[in-house]
């Protein structure tokens, strides 16, 4: 199982903080496309981390991994 943690406005848009998918392995890009389609959200500008380390979108996540989706933050 792959856990996906959502933060800030992503959590609000989806209505969940953690999503779970039962894939053995999957490329992050593929997971993001599924989420965009399922929840009608735009994930183009999010940063991704796997097991608390920033990762490329071409990274393959495996069962037991935790994927965090971090939306852009602005402030002043």
Protein backbone atom coordinates (compact mmCIF):
# COMPACT_ATOMS: atom_id res chain seq x y z
CA UNK A 1 0.00 0.00 0.00
CA UNK A 2 1.22 3.51 -0.89
CA UNK A 3 0.15 6.37 1.38
CA UNK A 4 -0.30 9.84 -0.07
CA UNK A 5 -0.29 12.75 2.37
CA UNK A 6 -1.99 15.97 1.28
CA UNK A 7 -1.32 19.38 2.79
CA UNK A 8 -2.90 22.86 2.86
CA UNK A 9 -5.37 23.55 0.05
CA UNK A 10 -4.92 20.06 -1.41
CA UNK A 11 -6.25 18.55 1.80
CA UNK A 12 -9.18 20.96 1.69
CA UNK A 13 -9.96 20.24 -1.98
CA UNK A 14 -9.86 16.45 -1.57
CA UNK A 15 -11.38 16.37 1.91
CA UNK A 16 -8.79 13.91 3.24
CA UNK A 17 -5.32 14.25 4.76
CA UNK A 18 -4.16 10.73 3.81
CA UNK A 19 -5.11 8.63 0.79
CA UNK A 20 -4.11 4.99 0.42
CA UNK A 21 -3.56 3.10 -2.82
CA UNK A 22 -2.93 -0.63 -3.10
CA UNK A 23 -0.25 -0.59 -5.79
CA UNK A 24 2.94 -2.63 -5.52
CA UNK A 25 4.74 0.15 -7.38
CA UNK A 26 3.84 3.15 -9.49
CA UNK A 27 5.60 6.16 -10.99
CA UNK A 28 4.75 9.41 -9.21
CA UNK A 29 3.62 11.02 -12.49
CA UNK A 30 1.05 8.26 -12.96
CA UNK A 31 -0.29 8.67 -9.42
CA UNK A 32 -0.58 12.44 -9.89
CA UNK A 33 -2.56 12.00 -13.12
CA UNK A 34 -4.95 9.63 -11.34
CA UNK A 35 -5.44 12.09 -8.48
CA UNK A 36 -6.03 14.99 -10.86
CA UNK A 37 -8.65 12.99 -12.70
CA UNK A 38 -10.35 11.54 -9.61
CA UNK A 39 -10.53 14.77 -7.60
CA UNK A 40 -10.56 17.40 -10.38
CA UNK A 41 -7.48 19.15 -8.96
CA UNK A 42 -4.34 20.59 -10.56
CA UNK A 43 -1.07 19.13 -9.27
CA UNK A 44 1.22 20.75 -11.82
CA UNK A 45 3.04 22.97 -9.33
CA UNK A 46 3.20 20.70 -6.26
CA UNK A 47 6.48 19.48 -4.85
CA UNK A 48 6.73 15.79 -4.05
CA UNK A 49 8.58 13.93 -1.33
CA UNK A 50 8.96 10.19 -0.81
CA UNK A 51 9.64 9.00 2.71
CA UNK A 52 10.43 12.59 3.77
CA UNK A 53 12.94 13.28 0.98
CA UNK A 54 12.20 15.42 -2.07
CA UNK A 55 11.83 13.34 -5.20
CA UNK A 56 11.49 13.70 -8.96
CA UNK A 57 8.14 12.97 -10.58
CA UNK A 58 9.71 10.09 -12.47
CA UNK A 59 10.53 8.31 -9.19
CA UNK A 60 8.81 4.97 -8.68
CA UNK A 61 7.11 4.60 -5.32
CA UNK A 62 6.60 1.15 -3.85
CA UNK A 63 4.28 -0.46 -1.37
CA UNK A 64 5.15 0.86 2.09
CA UNK A 65 6.30 4.27 0.81
CA UNK A 66 4.75 7.55 1.90
CA UNK A 67 4.33 10.19 -0.81
CA UNK A 68 3.79 13.77 0.35
CA UNK A 69 2.26 16.39 -1.96
CA UNK A 70 3.33 19.89 -0.98
CA UNK A 71 1.53 22.79 -2.67
CA UNK A 72 3.28 26.09 -3.32
CA UNK A 73 3.37 28.43 -0.35
CA UNK A 74 3.37 32.20 -0.59
CA UNK A 75 3.81 34.77 2.05
CA UNK A 76 5.41 38.02 2.87
